[in-house]
C-alpha atoms as a PDB file:
ATOM      1  CA  UNK A   1      22.249   2.068 -34.167  1.00  0.00           C
ATOM      2  CA  UNK A   2      21.951   4.985 -31.300  1.00  0.00           C
ATOM      3  CA  UNK A   3      19.469   7.805 -31.332  1.00  0.00           C
ATOM      4  CA  UNK A   4      18.485  10.109 -28.631  1.00  0.00           C
ATOM      5  CA  UNK A   5      16.361  12.997 -28.586  1.00  0.00           C
ATOM      6  CA  UNK A   6      15.139  15.777 -26.396  1.00  0.00           C
ATOM      7  CA  UNK A   7      11.346  17.262 -26.551  1.00  0.00           C
ATOM      8  CA  UNK A   8       9.477  19.662 -24.802  1.00  0.00           C
ATOM      9  CA  UNK A   9       5.545  19.262 -24.415  1.00  0.00           C
ATOM     10  CA  UNK A  10       3.497  22.171 -23.581  1.00  0.00           C
ATOM     11  CA  UNK A  11       1.124  19.250 -20.880  1.00  0.00           C
ATOM     12  CA  UNK A  12       1.565  18.374 -17.315  1.00  0.00           C
ATOM     13  CA  UNK A  13       3.779  15.433 -16.569  1.00  0.00           C
ATOM     14  CA  UNK A  14       1.049  13.131 -15.396  1.00  0.00           C
ATOM     15  CA  UNK A  15      -0.912  13.851 -18.957  1.00  0.00           C
ATOM     16  CA  UNK A  16       2.258  12.989 -20.770  1.00  0.00           C
ATOM     17  CA  UNK A  17       2.746   9.852 -18.750  1.00  0.00           C
ATOM     18  CA  UNK A  18      -1.148   8.726 -19.428  1.00  0.00           C
ATOM     19  CA  UNK A  19      -0.695   9.776 -23.497  1.00  0.00           C
ATOM     20  CA  UNK A  20       2.573   7.177 -23.481  1.00  0.00           C
ATOM     21  CA  UNK A  21       0.615   4.335 -22.085  1.00  0.00           C
ATOM     22  CA  UNK A  22      -2.714   4.717 -23.774  1.00  0.00           C
ATOM     23  CA  UNK A  23      -2.531   2.536 -27.116  1.00  0.00           C
ATOM     24  CA  UNK A  24      -5.505   4.461 -28.639  1.00  0.00           C
ATOM     25  CA  UNK A  25      -3.191   7.882 -28.174  1.00  0.00           C
ATOM     26  CA  UNK A  26      -0.019   6.119 -29.509  1.00  0.00           C
ATOM     27  CA  UNK A  27      -1.930   4.416 -32.738  1.00  0.00           C
ATOM     28  CA  UNK A  28      -3.050   7.903 -33.299  1.00  0.00           C
ATOM     29  CA  UNK A  29       0.543   9.397 -33.298  1.00  0.00           C
ATOM     30  CA  UNK A  30       2.102   6.643 -35.075  1.00  0.00           C
ATOM     31  CA  UNK A  31       2.169   7.086 -39.001  1.00  0.00           C
ATOM     32  CA  UNK A  32       1.228   4.080 -40.605  1.00  0.00           C
ATOM     33  CA  UNK A  33       0.165   2.381 -37.879  1.00  0.00           C
ATOM     34  CA  UNK A  34      -2.329  -0.789 -38.303  1.00  0.00           C
ATOM     35  CA  UNK A  35      -3.021  -1.601 -34.884  1.00  0.00           C
ATOM     36  CA  UNK A  36      -2.019  -0.840 -31.255  1.00  0.00           C
ATOM     37  CA  UNK A  37      -3.472  -3.372 -28.221  1.00  0.00           C
ATOM     38  CA  UNK A  38      -2.152  -3.052 -24.831  1.00  0.00           C
ATOM     39  CA  UNK A  39      -2.063  -7.268 -23.839  1.00  0.00           C
ATOM     40  CA  UNK A  40      -0.889  -6.841 -20.389  1.00  0.00           C
ATOM     41  CA  UNK A  41       0.229  -4.170 -17.811  1.00  0.00           C
ATOM     42  CA  UNK A  42       3.577  -3.975 -19.256  1.00  0.00           C
ATOM     43  CA  UNK A  43       3.373  -5.202 -22.440  1.00  0.00           C
ATOM     44  CA  UNK A  44       1.918  -4.044 -25.888  1.00  0.00           C
ATOM     45  CA  UNK A  45       1.447  -5.631 -29.767  1.00  0.00           C
ATOM     46  CA  UNK A  46       1.313  -3.265 -32.781  1.00  0.00           C
ATOM     47  CA  UNK A  47       1.517  -3.255 -36.558  1.00  0.00           C
ATOM     48  CA  UNK A  48       2.986  -0.681 -38.604  1.00  0.00           C
ATOM     49  CA  UNK A  49       3.330  -0.465 -42.505  1.00  0.00           C
ATOM     50  CA  UNK A  50       6.268   1.461 -43.165  1.00  0.00           C
ATOM     51  CA  UNK A  51       8.612   2.084 -46.150  1.00  0.00           C
ATOM     52  CA  UNK A  52      12.305   2.722 -45.747  1.00  0.00           C
ATOM     53  CA  UNK A  53      14.156   3.477 -48.699  1.00  0.00           C
ATOM     54  CA  UNK A  54      12.947   0.547 -51.138  1.00  0.00           C
ATOM     55  CA  UNK A  55      11.974  -1.839 -48.243  1.00  0.00           C
ATOM     56  CA  UNK A  56       7.975  -1.576 -47.846  1.00  0.00           C
ATOM     57  CA  UNK A  57       6.306  -4.066 -45.066  1.00  0.00           C
ATOM     58  CA  UNK A  58       4.154  -4.134 -42.420  1.00  0.00           C
ATOM     59  CA  UNK A  59       6.279  -4.752 -39.582  1.00  0.00           C
ATOM     60  CA  UNK A  60       4.628  -6.806 -36.204  1.00  0.00           C
ATOM     61  CA  UNK A  61       6.119  -5.553 -32.582  1.00  0.00           C
ATOM     62  CA  UNK A  62       5.978  -6.822 -29.288  1.00  0.00           C
ATOM     63  CA  UNK A  63       7.027  -4.236 -26.717  1.00  0.00           C
ATOM     64  CA  UNK A  64       7.670  -4.844 -23.018  1.00  0.00           C
ATOM     65  CA  UNK A  65       7.830  -1.651 -20.566  1.00  0.00           C
ATOM     66  CA  UNK A  66      10.378  -2.656 -17.641  1.00  0.00           C
ATOM     67  CA  UNK A  67      12.359  -0.456 -15.020  1.00  0.00           C
ATOM     68  CA  UNK A  68       9.066   1.680 -14.636  1.00  0.00           C
ATOM     69  CA  UNK A  69       8.996   4.269 -12.313  1.00  0.00           C
ATOM     70  CA  UNK A  70       5.830   5.748 -12.989  1.00  0.00           C
ATOM     71  CA  UNK A  71       5.499   8.981 -14.146  1.00  0.00           C
ATOM     72  CA  UNK A  72       8.721   9.653 -14.841  1.00  0.00           C
ATOM     73  CA  UNK A  73      10.649   6.716 -16.503  1.00  0.00           C
ATOM     74  CA  UNK A  74      10.513   3.273 -18.154  1.00  0.00           C
ATOM     75  CA  UNK A  75      12.170   1.426 -20.875  1.00  0.00           C
ATOM     76  CA  UNK A  76      10.955  -0.112 -23.825  1.00  0.00           C
ATOM     77  CA  UNK A  77      12.321  -3.289 -25.009  1.00  0.00           C
ATOM     78  CA  UNK A  78      11.109  -4.214 -28.657  1.00  0.00           C
ATOM     79  CA  UNK A  79      11.109  -7.264 -30.837  1.00  0.00           C
ATOM     80  CA  UNK A  80      10.180  -6.336 -34.249  1.00  0.00           C
ATOM     81  CA  UNK A  81       9.417  -8.544 -37.458  1.00  0.00           C
ATOM     82  CA  UNK A  82       8.637  -7.710 -41.062  1.00  0.00           C
ATOM     83  CA  UNK A  83       8.871 -10.993 -42.930  1.00  0.00           C
ATOM     84  CA  UNK A  84      11.287 -10.896 -45.631  1.00  0.00           C
ATOM     85  CA  UNK A  85      11.744  -6.779 -44.860  1.00  0.00           C
ATOM     86  CA  UNK A  86      14.039  -8.109 -41.885  1.00  0.00           C
ATOM     87  CA  UNK A  87      13.743  -7.933 -38.169  1.00  0.00           C
ATOM     88  CA  UNK A  88      15.085  -5.453 -35.389  1.00  0.00           C
ATOM     89  CA  UNK A  89      15.477  -5.829 -31.511  1.00  0.00           C
ATOM     90  CA  UNK A  90      16.307  -2.659 -29.650  1.00  0.00           C
ATOM     91  CA  UNK A  91      15.766  -0.756 -26.347  1.00  0.00           C
ATOM     92  CA  UNK A  92      14.374   2.777 -25.423  1.00  0.00           C
ATOM     93  CA  UNK A  93      15.291   4.416 -22.098  1.00  0.00           C
ATOM     94  CA  UNK A  94      12.511   7.139 -21.396  1.00  0.00           C
ATOM     95  CA  UNK A  95      12.527  10.019 -18.932  1.00  0.00           C
ATOM     96  CA  UNK A  96      10.338  12.479 -18.315  1.00  0.00           C
ATOM     97  CA  UNK A  97      11.008  15.480 -16.081  1.00  0.00           C
ATOM     98  CA  UNK A  98       8.856  18.674 -15.272  1.00  0.00           C
ATOM     99  CA  UNK A  99      10.445  21.415 -17.621  1.00  0.00           C
ATOM    100  CA  UNK A 100      12.068  24.179 -15.241  1.00  0.00           C
ATOM    101  CA  UNK A 101      12.216  26.886 -18.002  1.00  0.00           C
ATOM    102  CA  UNK A 102       8.517  26.455 -19.014  1.00  0.00           C
ATOM    103  CA  UNK A 103       6.124  25.743 -16.078  1.00  0.00           C
ATOM    104  CA  UNK A 104       3.407  23.190 -17.093  1.00  0.00           C
ATOM    105  CA  UNK A 105       5.669  21.942 -19.688  1.00  0.00           C
ATOM    106  CA  UNK A 106       7.195  18.296 -19.675  1.00  0.00           C
ATOM    107  CA  UNK A 107      10.541  17.331 -20.984  1.00  0.00           C
ATOM    108  CA  UNK A 108      11.034  14.118 -22.698  1.00  0.00           C
ATOM    109  CA  UNK A 109      14.299  12.381 -23.047  1.00  0.00           C
ATOM    110  CA  UNK A 110      14.927   9.055 -24.749  1.00  0.00           C
ATOM    111  CA  UNK A 111      17.914   6.874 -25.778  1.00  0.00           C
ATOM    112  CA  UNK A 112      17.173   4.036 -28.539  1.00  0.00           C
ATOM    113  CA  UNK A 113      19.773   1.164 -29.168  1.00  0.00           C
ATOM    114  CA  UNK A 114      18.726  -1.305 -31.705  1.00  0.00           C
ATOM    115  CA  UNK A 115      19.958  -3.889 -34.118  1.00  0.00           C
ATOM    116  CA  UNK A 116      18.159  -4.625 -37.952  1.00  0.00           C
ATOM    117  CA  UNK A 117      18.797  -7.910 -39.876  1.00  0.00           C
ATOM    118  CA  UNK A 118      17.724  -9.011 -43.310  1.00  0.00           C
ATOM    119  CA  UNK A 119      16.948  -6.680 -45.984  1.00  0.00           C
ATOM    120  CA  UNK A 120      16.728  -3.569 -43.700  1.00  0.00           C
ATOM    121  CA  UNK A 121      20.420  -4.188 -42.699  1.00  0.00           C
ATOM    122  CA  UNK A 122      21.216  -4.049 -46.830  1.00  0.00           C
ATOM    123  CA  UNK A 123      19.774  -0.563 -46.870  1.00  0.00           C
ATOM    124  CA  UNK A 124      22.261   0.918 -44.640  1.00  0.00           C
ATOM    125  CA  UNK A 125      22.672   2.629 -41.249  1.00  0.00           C
ATOM    126  CA  UNK A 126      22.615   6.262 -42.585  1.00  0.00           C
ATOM    127  CA  UNK A 127      19.110   5.523 -44.578  1.00  0.00           C
ATOM    128  CA  UNK A 128      17.398   3.744 -41.413  1.00  0.00           C
ATOM    129  CA  UNK A 129      18.733   6.469 -39.303  1.00  0.00           C
ATOM    130  CA  UNK A 130      17.077   9.477 -41.327  1.00  0.00           C
ATOM    131  CA  UNK A 131      13.834   7.406 -41.429  1.00  0.00           C
ATOM    132  CA  UNK A 132      13.825   6.880 -37.852  1.00  0.00           C
ATOM    133  CA  UNK A 133      14.954  10.574 -36.989  1.00  0.00           C
ATOM    134  CA  UNK A 134      11.779  11.538 -39.332  1.00  0.00           C
ATOM    135  CA  UNK A 135       9.625   8.940 -37.788  1.00  0.00           C
ATOM    136  CA  UNK A 136      10.140  10.223 -34.258  1.00  0.00           C
ATOM    137  CA  UNK A 137       9.637  13.998 -35.132  1.00  0.00           C
ATOM    138  CA  UNK A 138       6.551  12.910 -36.706  1.00  0.00           C
ATOM    139  CA  UNK A 139       5.344  10.766 -33.911  1.00  0.00           C
ATOM    140  CA  UNK A 140       6.551  13.786 -31.244  1.00  0.00           C
ATOM    141  CA  UNK A 141       4.455  16.582 -33.089  1.00  0.00           C
ATOM    142  CA  UNK A 142       1.231  14.279 -33.676  1.00  0.00           C
ATOM    143  CA  UNK A 143       1.812  13.456 -29.813  1.00  0.00           C
ATOM    144  CA  UNK A 144       2.235  16.773 -28.599  1.00  0.00           C
ATOM    145  CA  UNK A 145      -1.452  17.922 -30.435  1.00  0.00           C
ATOM    146  CA  UNK A 146      -3.043  15.103 -29.115  1.00  0.00           C
ATOM    147  CA  UNK A 147      -1.843  15.812 -25.831  1.00  0.00           C
ATOM    148  CA  UNK A 148      -1.552  19.198 -25.586  1.00  0.00           C
ATOM    149  CA  UNK A 149      -4.219  20.466 -28.172  1.00  0.00           C
ATOM    150  CA  UNK A 150      -1.836  22.927 -29.717  1.00  0.00           C
ATOM    151  CA  UNK A 151       0.127  22.824 -33.058  1.00  0.00           C
ATOM    152  CA  UNK A 152       3.771  22.133 -32.705  1.00  0.00           C
ATOM    153  CA  UNK A 153       6.368  24.933 -32.839  1.00  0.00           C
ATOM    154  CA  UNK A 154       9.595  22.888 -34.005  1.00  0.00           C
ATOM    155  CA  UNK A 155      13.018  23.534 -33.622  1.00  0.00           C
ATOM    156  CA  UNK A 156      15.639  21.056 -34.338  1.00  0.00           C
ATOM    157  CA  UNK A 157      19.270  21.575 -33.103  1.00  0.00           C
ATOM    158  CA  UNK A 158      21.734  19.509 -34.858  1.00  0.00           C
ATOM    159  CA  UNK A 159      24.093  18.111 -32.113  1.00  0.00           C
ATOM    160  CA  UNK A 160      25.540  14.996 -33.344  1.00  0.00           C
ATOM    161  CA  UNK A 161      22.932  12.027 -32.934  1.00  0.00           C
ATOM    162  CA  UNK A 162      20.681  14.561 -30.773  1.00  0.00           C
ATOM    163  CA  UNK A 163      17.759  16.002 -31.797  1.00  0.00           C
ATOM    164  CA  UNK A 164      15.724  18.848 -29.777  1.00  0.00           C
ATOM    165  CA  UNK A 165      11.888  19.420 -30.452  1.00  0.00           C
ATOM    166  CA  UNK A 166      10.254  22.141 -28.945  1.00  0.00           C
ATOM    167  CA  UNK A 167       6.465  22.054 -29.079  1.00  0.00           C
ATOM    168  CA  UNK A 168       4.236  24.752 -28.553  1.00  0.00           C
ATOM    169  CA  UNK A 169       1.976  22.854 -26.158  1.00  0.00           C
ATOM    170  CA  UNK A 170       2.638  19.694 -27.615  1.00  0.00           C
ATOM    171  CA  UNK A 171       4.388  16.279 -26.790  1.00  0.00           C
ATOM    172  CA  UNK A 172       5.244  12.877 -28.177  1.00  0.00           C
ATOM    173  CA  UNK A 173       7.541  10.498 -25.694  1.00  0.00           C
ATOM    174  CA  UNK A 174       5.715   7.310 -27.065  1.00  0.00           C
ATOM    175  CA  UNK A 175       6.543   7.710 -30.359  1.00  0.00           C
ATOM    176  CA  UNK A 176      10.018   9.220 -29.697  1.00  0.00           C
ATOM    177  CA  UNK A 177      10.407   5.849 -27.932  1.00  0.00           C
ATOM    178  CA  UNK A 178       8.367   3.906 -30.428  1.00  0.00           C
ATOM    179  CA  UNK A 179       9.459   5.280 -33.464  1.00  0.00           C
ATOM    180  CA  UNK A 180      12.814   5.309 -32.427  1.00  0.00           C
ATOM    181  CA  UNK A 181      12.478   1.570 -31.371  1.00  0.00           C
ATOM    182  CA  UNK A 182      10.682   1.109 -34.506  1.00  0.00           C
ATOM    183  CA  UNK A 183      13.308   2.936 -36.615  1.00  0.00           C
ATOM    184  CA  UNK A 184      16.288   1.196 -34.810  1.00  0.00           C
ATOM    185  CA  UNK A 185      14.177  -2.017 -35.415  1.00  0.00           C
ATOM    186  CA  UNK A 186      13.052  -1.212 -38.610  1.00  0.00           C
ATOM    187  CA  UNK A 187      13.908  -0.178 -36.005  1.00  0.00           C
ATOM    188  CA  UNK A 188      12.329   0.084 -32.665  1.00  0.00           C
ATOM    189  CA  UNK A 189       8.996   2.615 -31.208  1.00  0.00           C
END
């Protein structure tokens, strides 16, 4: 599974970066998140209850950040286990940049690559891709509200596997990454 996305968050680069690295912010933005814990400078552990088609399970994920270039980029490496529901492994490359078209806003771009196995692999890639896209969009909407305090103005542009989400003062990079990773792993984040 591969997925890309771009989101405009109406918050400064430093604020978006801080939100993407705060386990409390991330937990509030991920639908079904039961726990999110930072277990090291570059490691997170999380549990997320999710349903993809007929498969419903609690997924345990180990996330490691690599290639960190604060406050503009990192790679999330994820291992997701869902017991009998299946498992996933993947990476998400995340890049942040100041938005030249909207001063004070940040553009978040991500690219996720992942593989799933077990019952999830039997669900079908189209269903998994759709669920992953919805999780990413939901995450970014929530993240944008938390980071900027503004309700999102969402515009989705279909361009192959790319979606663009413009938030009127909102942003959500981590879920895009986690959701995409969780999605790809389930995804995953």
